[in-house]
N, C-alpha and C. Protein backbone atom coordinates (compact mmCIF):
# COMPACT_ATOMS: atom_id res chain seq x y z
N MET A 1 111.73 114.38 103.01
CA MET A 1 111.77 114.62 104.44
C MET A 1 110.57 113.94 105.08
N ALA A 2 110.79 113.12 106.04
CA ALA A 2 109.71 112.47 106.76
C ALA A 2 109.28 113.39 107.90
N VAL A 3 107.98 113.63 107.99
CA VAL A 3 107.45 114.46 109.06
C VAL A 3 106.78 113.54 110.06
N ALA A 4 107.27 113.54 111.28
CA ALA A 4 106.74 112.67 112.33
C ALA A 4 105.32 113.08 112.69
N ALA A 5 104.52 112.10 113.05
CA ALA A 5 103.16 112.40 113.51
C ALA A 5 103.24 113.20 114.80
N PRO A 6 102.39 114.21 114.93
CA PRO A 6 102.46 115.04 116.13
C PRO A 6 102.06 114.27 117.38
N LYS A 7 102.83 114.46 118.43
CA LYS A 7 102.49 113.86 119.72
C LYS A 7 101.99 114.95 120.67
N ALA A 8 102.09 116.18 120.23
CA ALA A 8 101.69 117.29 121.08
C ALA A 8 100.29 117.77 120.68
N ARG A 9 99.85 118.81 121.35
CA ARG A 9 98.51 119.35 121.10
C ARG A 9 98.45 120.03 119.75
N ARG A 10 97.27 120.05 119.16
CA ARG A 10 97.03 120.73 117.90
C ARG A 10 96.24 122.01 118.16
N HIS A 11 96.33 122.94 117.22
CA HIS A 11 95.50 124.13 117.29
C HIS A 11 94.14 123.77 116.71
N TRP A 12 93.08 123.97 117.47
CA TRP A 12 91.76 123.56 117.05
C TRP A 12 90.95 124.69 116.43
N GLY A 13 91.35 125.94 116.62
CA GLY A 13 90.67 127.07 115.98
C GLY A 13 89.17 126.99 116.11
N SER A 14 88.47 127.07 114.97
CA SER A 14 87.01 127.11 114.97
C SER A 14 86.39 125.76 115.32
N LEU A 15 87.19 124.71 115.48
CA LEU A 15 86.65 123.41 115.83
C LEU A 15 86.45 123.25 117.33
N ASP A 16 86.83 124.27 118.13
CA ASP A 16 86.73 124.17 119.58
C ASP A 16 85.34 123.76 120.04
N ALA A 17 84.31 124.25 119.36
CA ALA A 17 82.95 123.97 119.79
C ALA A 17 82.64 122.47 119.68
N ARG A 18 83.30 121.76 118.77
CA ARG A 18 83.05 120.34 118.59
C ARG A 18 83.97 119.48 119.44
N ARG A 19 84.94 120.06 120.06
CA ARG A 19 85.91 119.31 120.85
C ARG A 19 85.61 119.51 122.33
N PRO A 20 85.19 118.45 123.02
CA PRO A 20 84.89 118.62 124.45
C PRO A 20 86.10 119.16 125.19
N GLY A 21 85.87 120.18 125.97
CA GLY A 21 86.95 120.78 126.74
C GLY A 21 87.95 121.53 125.88
N GLY A 22 87.56 121.83 124.63
CA GLY A 22 88.46 122.51 123.71
C GLY A 22 88.91 123.85 124.25
N ASN A 23 90.12 124.22 123.95
CA ASN A 23 90.68 125.46 124.45
C ASN A 23 91.39 126.13 123.29
N SER A 24 90.99 127.35 122.96
CA SER A 24 91.59 128.03 121.82
C SER A 24 93.07 128.34 122.06
N GLU A 25 93.57 128.15 123.29
CA GLU A 25 94.98 128.38 123.55
C GLU A 25 95.83 127.19 123.11
N ASP A 26 95.17 126.03 122.82
CA ASP A 26 95.94 124.86 122.36
C ASP A 26 96.70 125.24 121.10
N THR A 27 97.97 124.93 121.06
CA THR A 27 98.79 125.26 119.89
C THR A 27 99.59 124.06 119.44
N VAL A 28 100.09 124.15 118.25
CA VAL A 28 100.91 123.09 117.70
C VAL A 28 102.28 123.12 118.37
N ASP A 29 102.80 121.97 118.65
CA ASP A 29 104.12 121.81 119.24
C ASP A 29 105.16 122.57 118.39
N THR A 30 106.11 123.24 119.02
CA THR A 30 107.08 124.06 118.29
C THR A 30 107.96 123.22 117.39
N HIS A 31 108.28 121.98 117.78
CA HIS A 31 109.06 121.11 116.90
C HIS A 31 108.29 120.81 115.62
N LEU A 32 107.00 120.53 115.76
CA LEU A 32 106.17 120.27 114.59
C LEU A 32 106.07 121.53 113.73
N GLU A 33 105.93 122.68 114.37
CA GLU A 33 105.89 123.94 113.60
C GLU A 33 107.15 124.11 112.78
N ALA A 34 108.30 123.76 113.34
CA ALA A 34 109.58 123.86 112.62
C ALA A 34 109.59 122.90 111.43
N GLN A 35 109.06 121.69 111.62
CA GLN A 35 109.00 120.74 110.52
C GLN A 35 108.07 121.23 109.41
N ILE A 36 106.94 121.81 109.79
CA ILE A 36 106.00 122.35 108.81
C ILE A 36 106.65 123.49 108.04
N ALA A 37 107.35 124.37 108.75
CA ALA A 37 108.04 125.49 108.10
C ALA A 37 109.10 124.98 107.12
N GLU A 38 109.83 123.95 107.52
CA GLU A 38 110.84 123.38 106.63
C GLU A 38 110.19 122.79 105.38
N LEU A 39 109.11 122.06 105.57
CA LEU A 39 108.39 121.47 104.43
C LEU A 39 107.86 122.57 103.51
N ALA A 40 107.28 123.62 104.09
CA ALA A 40 106.76 124.73 103.28
C ALA A 40 107.90 125.37 102.47
N GLY A 41 109.05 125.55 103.08
CA GLY A 41 110.20 126.11 102.36
C GLY A 41 110.63 125.22 101.21
N ARG A 42 110.66 123.93 101.45
CA ARG A 42 111.04 122.99 100.39
C ARG A 42 110.02 123.02 99.25
N LEU A 43 108.74 123.13 99.58
CA LEU A 43 107.72 123.22 98.54
C LEU A 43 107.92 124.48 97.69
N ARG A 44 108.18 125.61 98.36
CA ARG A 44 108.38 126.87 97.63
C ARG A 44 109.60 126.80 96.72
N GLU A 45 110.64 126.11 97.16
CA GLU A 45 111.89 126.04 96.39
C GLU A 45 111.87 124.97 95.31
N SER A 46 110.96 124.02 95.41
CA SER A 46 110.92 122.91 94.47
C SER A 46 110.49 123.37 93.08
N ARG A 47 111.11 122.78 92.07
CA ARG A 47 110.72 123.09 90.69
C ARG A 47 109.60 122.18 90.21
N TYR A 48 109.49 120.97 90.79
CA TYR A 48 108.49 120.01 90.33
C TYR A 48 108.14 119.09 91.49
N THR A 49 107.10 119.43 92.22
CA THR A 49 106.69 118.64 93.38
C THR A 49 105.61 117.66 92.98
N VAL A 50 105.75 116.43 93.44
CA VAL A 50 104.80 115.37 93.18
C VAL A 50 104.30 114.83 94.51
N ALA A 51 103.00 114.59 94.62
CA ALA A 51 102.43 113.96 95.82
C ALA A 51 102.07 112.53 95.49
N PHE A 52 102.45 111.62 96.38
CA PHE A 52 102.07 110.21 96.26
C PHE A 52 101.00 109.95 97.31
N THR A 53 99.84 109.46 96.90
CA THR A 53 98.78 109.17 97.87
C THR A 53 98.31 107.73 97.71
N GLY A 54 97.65 107.27 98.75
CA GLY A 54 97.06 105.94 98.74
C GLY A 54 95.65 106.01 99.29
N ALA A 55 95.16 104.89 99.72
CA ALA A 55 93.78 104.80 100.17
C ALA A 55 93.49 105.69 101.38
N GLY A 56 94.49 105.94 102.20
CA GLY A 56 94.26 106.72 103.41
C GLY A 56 93.70 108.10 103.16
N ILE A 57 94.03 108.71 102.04
CA ILE A 57 93.53 110.06 101.78
C ILE A 57 92.02 110.05 101.52
N SER A 58 91.47 108.91 101.12
CA SER A 58 90.05 108.84 100.80
C SER A 58 89.19 108.23 101.89
N THR A 59 89.79 107.70 102.95
CA THR A 59 88.97 107.12 104.01
C THR A 59 88.11 108.19 104.67
N GLU A 60 88.63 109.42 104.77
CA GLU A 60 87.84 110.51 105.33
C GLU A 60 86.62 110.82 104.45
N SER A 61 86.69 110.45 103.20
CA SER A 61 85.58 110.65 102.27
C SER A 61 84.55 109.53 102.37
N GLY A 62 84.82 108.55 103.24
CA GLY A 62 83.88 107.45 103.43
C GLY A 62 84.20 106.23 102.59
N ILE A 63 85.34 106.23 101.93
CA ILE A 63 85.73 105.09 101.12
C ILE A 63 86.68 104.23 101.94
N PRO A 64 86.31 102.98 102.21
CA PRO A 64 87.17 102.15 103.05
C PRO A 64 88.46 101.76 102.32
N ASP A 65 89.52 101.62 103.08
CA ASP A 65 90.75 101.10 102.49
C ASP A 65 90.67 99.57 102.52
N PHE A 66 91.68 98.92 102.01
CA PHE A 66 91.67 97.46 101.96
C PHE A 66 92.34 96.83 103.17
N ARG A 67 93.45 97.42 103.64
CA ARG A 67 94.28 96.75 104.64
C ARG A 67 94.25 97.40 106.02
N GLY A 68 93.55 98.48 106.19
CA GLY A 68 93.54 99.18 107.47
C GLY A 68 92.79 98.43 108.55
N PRO A 69 92.72 99.01 109.74
CA PRO A 69 92.06 98.34 110.88
C PRO A 69 90.61 97.95 110.60
N ARG A 70 89.92 98.73 109.77
CA ARG A 70 88.54 98.40 109.40
C ARG A 70 88.45 98.19 107.89
N GLY A 71 89.53 97.71 107.31
CA GLY A 71 89.62 97.56 105.87
C GLY A 71 88.72 96.48 105.31
N VAL A 72 88.52 96.55 104.01
CA VAL A 72 87.66 95.62 103.30
C VAL A 72 88.11 94.17 103.51
N TRP A 73 89.42 93.93 103.53
CA TRP A 73 89.90 92.55 103.66
C TRP A 73 89.72 92.00 105.07
N LYS A 74 89.29 92.81 106.02
CA LYS A 74 88.98 92.29 107.36
C LYS A 74 87.63 91.56 107.34
N THR A 75 86.76 91.91 106.40
CA THR A 75 85.42 91.33 106.36
C THR A 75 85.18 90.42 105.17
N MET A 76 86.02 90.50 104.14
CA MET A 76 85.85 89.62 102.98
C MET A 76 87.19 89.30 102.35
N ARG A 77 87.26 88.13 101.80
CA ARG A 77 88.48 87.63 101.17
C ARG A 77 88.62 88.24 99.77
N PRO A 78 89.84 88.64 99.39
CA PRO A 78 90.03 89.14 98.03
C PRO A 78 89.77 88.04 97.00
N ILE A 79 89.25 88.43 95.86
CA ILE A 79 89.07 87.48 94.77
C ILE A 79 90.28 87.64 93.84
N GLU A 80 91.09 86.61 93.78
CA GLU A 80 92.30 86.64 92.96
C GLU A 80 91.94 86.62 91.48
N LEU A 81 92.80 87.15 90.64
CA LEU A 81 92.55 87.22 89.20
C LEU A 81 92.32 85.83 88.61
N SER A 82 93.14 84.87 88.99
CA SER A 82 92.98 83.51 88.44
C SER A 82 91.60 82.94 88.79
N GLU A 83 91.14 83.21 90.00
CA GLU A 83 89.82 82.75 90.42
C GLU A 83 88.73 83.47 89.63
N PHE A 84 88.89 84.77 89.47
CA PHE A 84 87.93 85.57 88.70
C PHE A 84 87.81 85.03 87.28
N LEU A 85 88.94 84.73 86.66
CA LEU A 85 88.95 84.27 85.27
C LEU A 85 88.38 82.86 85.10
N SER A 86 88.57 82.00 86.10
CA SER A 86 88.19 80.60 85.94
C SER A 86 86.85 80.21 86.55
N ASP A 87 86.30 81.05 87.42
CA ASP A 87 85.11 80.64 88.17
C ASP A 87 83.97 81.65 87.99
N PRO A 88 82.89 81.24 87.33
CA PRO A 88 81.75 82.15 87.14
C PRO A 88 81.16 82.65 88.47
N ALA A 89 81.17 81.80 89.51
CA ALA A 89 80.65 82.22 90.81
C ALA A 89 81.53 83.32 91.41
N ALA A 90 82.83 83.24 91.22
CA ALA A 90 83.73 84.29 91.72
C ALA A 90 83.48 85.60 90.98
N ARG A 91 83.24 85.52 89.68
CA ARG A 91 82.92 86.75 88.92
C ARG A 91 81.62 87.37 89.42
N ARG A 92 80.61 86.54 89.64
CA ARG A 92 79.33 87.07 90.16
C ARG A 92 79.54 87.73 91.51
N GLU A 93 80.33 87.11 92.41
CA GLU A 93 80.61 87.69 93.73
C GLU A 93 81.37 88.99 93.60
N TYR A 94 82.34 89.04 92.71
CA TYR A 94 83.11 90.27 92.48
C TYR A 94 82.16 91.41 92.07
N TRP A 95 81.31 91.14 91.08
CA TRP A 95 80.41 92.20 90.61
C TRP A 95 79.33 92.52 91.64
N ARG A 96 78.91 91.54 92.46
CA ARG A 96 77.96 91.83 93.55
C ARG A 96 78.57 92.85 94.51
N ARG A 97 79.85 92.64 94.86
CA ARG A 97 80.54 93.57 95.76
C ARG A 97 80.65 94.95 95.15
N LYS A 98 80.97 95.01 93.86
CA LYS A 98 81.10 96.31 93.19
C LYS A 98 79.77 97.06 93.19
N ILE A 99 78.69 96.36 92.86
CA ILE A 99 77.36 96.98 92.83
C ILE A 99 76.97 97.44 94.23
N GLU A 100 77.23 96.60 95.24
CA GLU A 100 76.90 96.95 96.62
C GLU A 100 77.64 98.21 97.08
N GLY A 101 78.89 98.36 96.69
CA GLY A 101 79.69 99.50 97.12
C GLY A 101 79.56 100.73 96.25
N TYR A 102 78.87 100.61 95.13
CA TYR A 102 78.77 101.73 94.19
C TYR A 102 78.21 103.01 94.80
N PRO A 103 77.08 102.98 95.55
CA PRO A 103 76.56 104.24 96.10
C PRO A 103 77.57 104.97 96.99
N GLN A 104 78.33 104.21 97.77
CA GLN A 104 79.34 104.82 98.64
C GLN A 104 80.41 105.53 97.80
N MET A 105 80.83 104.92 96.73
CA MET A 105 81.83 105.52 95.85
C MET A 105 81.25 106.71 95.11
N ARG A 106 80.05 106.55 94.58
CA ARG A 106 79.40 107.61 93.81
C ARG A 106 79.19 108.87 94.65
N ASP A 107 78.81 108.69 95.89
CA ASP A 107 78.45 109.82 96.74
C ASP A 107 79.63 110.43 97.50
N ALA A 108 80.81 109.86 97.34
CA ALA A 108 81.99 110.36 98.06
C ALA A 108 82.33 111.78 97.61
N ALA A 109 82.73 112.59 98.57
CA ALA A 109 83.15 113.98 98.28
C ALA A 109 84.62 114.11 98.67
N PRO A 110 85.34 115.02 98.04
CA PRO A 110 86.75 115.20 98.38
C PRO A 110 86.95 115.50 99.87
N SER A 111 88.01 114.93 100.43
CA SER A 111 88.34 115.12 101.84
C SER A 111 89.19 116.37 102.02
N ALA A 112 89.49 116.68 103.27
CA ALA A 112 90.39 117.81 103.57
C ALA A 112 91.74 117.58 102.91
N GLY A 113 92.20 116.33 102.86
CA GLY A 113 93.47 116.03 102.21
C GLY A 113 93.44 116.31 100.72
N HIS A 114 92.35 115.91 100.06
CA HIS A 114 92.20 116.21 98.62
C HIS A 114 92.20 117.72 98.40
N ARG A 115 91.46 118.44 99.26
CA ARG A 115 91.38 119.91 99.09
C ARG A 115 92.72 120.58 99.38
N ALA A 116 93.48 120.04 100.33
CA ALA A 116 94.80 120.62 100.62
C ALA A 116 95.73 120.45 99.43
N LEU A 117 95.70 119.28 98.82
CA LEU A 117 96.52 119.07 97.62
C LEU A 117 96.06 119.99 96.50
N ALA A 118 94.76 120.21 96.39
CA ALA A 118 94.24 121.11 95.36
C ALA A 118 94.73 122.54 95.59
N ARG A 119 94.77 122.97 96.85
CA ARG A 119 95.27 124.33 97.15
C ARG A 119 96.75 124.45 96.79
N LEU A 120 97.52 123.41 97.08
CA LEU A 120 98.94 123.43 96.69
C LEU A 120 99.08 123.50 95.17
N HIS A 121 98.24 122.75 94.47
CA HIS A 121 98.27 122.76 93.00
C HIS A 121 97.88 124.15 92.46
N ALA A 122 96.82 124.71 93.02
CA ALA A 122 96.36 126.04 92.56
C ALA A 122 97.40 127.11 92.84
N ALA A 123 98.19 126.94 93.89
CA ALA A 123 99.22 127.91 94.23
C ALA A 123 100.51 127.68 93.41
N GLY A 124 100.48 126.69 92.54
CA GLY A 124 101.66 126.39 91.73
C GLY A 124 102.74 125.63 92.47
N LEU A 125 102.40 125.03 93.61
CA LEU A 125 103.38 124.32 94.42
C LEU A 125 103.34 122.81 94.25
N LEU A 126 102.37 122.32 93.49
CA LEU A 126 102.23 120.87 93.28
C LEU A 126 101.94 120.63 91.80
N ALA A 127 102.82 119.86 91.17
CA ALA A 127 102.68 119.62 89.74
C ALA A 127 101.80 118.41 89.43
N LEU A 128 101.87 117.38 90.26
CA LEU A 128 101.25 116.12 89.91
C LEU A 128 100.90 115.33 91.15
N VAL A 129 99.79 114.57 91.06
CA VAL A 129 99.42 113.63 92.12
C VAL A 129 99.45 112.24 91.52
N ILE A 130 100.20 111.36 92.15
CA ILE A 130 100.23 109.95 91.76
C ILE A 130 99.52 109.20 92.87
N THR A 131 98.48 108.45 92.50
CA THR A 131 97.70 107.76 93.52
C THR A 131 97.55 106.29 93.17
N GLN A 132 97.43 105.47 94.19
CA GLN A 132 97.12 104.06 93.96
C GLN A 132 95.63 103.80 94.12
N ASN A 133 94.84 104.86 94.33
CA ASN A 133 93.41 104.67 94.43
C ASN A 133 92.88 104.14 93.10
N ILE A 134 91.94 103.22 93.18
CA ILE A 134 91.53 102.47 92.01
C ILE A 134 90.13 102.83 91.53
N PHE A 135 89.52 103.83 92.10
CA PHE A 135 88.12 104.06 91.79
C PHE A 135 87.87 105.32 90.99
N THR A 136 86.88 105.23 90.19
CA THR A 136 86.22 106.36 89.55
C THR A 136 84.78 105.90 89.46
N ALA A 137 83.92 106.45 90.28
CA ALA A 137 82.53 106.00 90.31
C ALA A 137 81.61 107.17 90.07
N GLY A 138 80.67 107.00 89.19
CA GLY A 138 79.70 108.05 88.93
C GLY A 138 80.37 109.36 88.53
N GLY A 139 81.53 109.26 87.91
CA GLY A 139 82.25 110.47 87.50
C GLY A 139 83.08 111.08 88.61
N THR A 140 83.07 110.48 89.81
CA THR A 140 83.82 111.03 90.94
C THR A 140 85.28 110.64 90.85
N GLN A 141 86.14 111.63 90.80
CA GLN A 141 87.58 111.44 90.92
C GLN A 141 87.99 112.40 92.02
N LEU A 142 88.18 111.90 93.22
CA LEU A 142 88.30 112.77 94.38
C LEU A 142 89.44 113.77 94.27
N HIS A 143 90.56 113.40 93.67
CA HIS A 143 91.65 114.38 93.52
C HIS A 143 91.21 115.49 92.56
N GLY A 144 90.68 115.12 91.41
CA GLY A 144 90.25 116.11 90.43
C GLY A 144 89.05 116.90 90.90
N ASP A 145 88.08 116.22 91.54
CA ASP A 145 86.89 116.92 92.03
C ASP A 145 87.23 117.84 93.18
N GLY A 146 88.34 117.58 93.87
CA GLY A 146 88.77 118.46 94.95
C GLY A 146 89.47 119.71 94.42
N GLY A 147 89.67 119.77 93.11
CA GLY A 147 90.30 120.94 92.51
C GLY A 147 91.77 120.73 92.17
N GLY A 148 92.26 119.53 92.44
CA GLY A 148 93.66 119.25 92.17
C GLY A 148 93.86 118.61 90.82
N PRO A 149 95.10 118.28 90.51
CA PRO A 149 95.36 117.60 89.25
C PRO A 149 94.75 116.21 89.27
N SER A 150 94.24 115.77 88.15
CA SER A 150 93.64 114.42 88.11
C SER A 150 94.31 113.58 87.06
């Protein structure tokens, strides 16, 4: 089931203080509430739920994606495998980039998305997470460190 992005107001709860002009009366659109209820019902009825994630779940953790509006490929060209294998300068550049980005990866903490998946897993509603994320830095595995399956 595809859940459309909300176009209506969200409930801000305790975040009101950080939202200029925030109003605790703001609520989630009733159509979105119905979609959420349907999704929750499907999760409860499912025998084996799997979550597929990509780079977007980790951008909130401070890890840039590759293709997004501020993605890595907007500022630097990818180094292709053939270039990496044949050119010592390309290998040095590849490893320079990895070393430069290491602190950001090492210090990343699980995002709200990682923690939400972990809560679903802890509640027995999520069996597995399949991710295309390619990093494990300094022992950090954001899905596993968030309490979810790794």
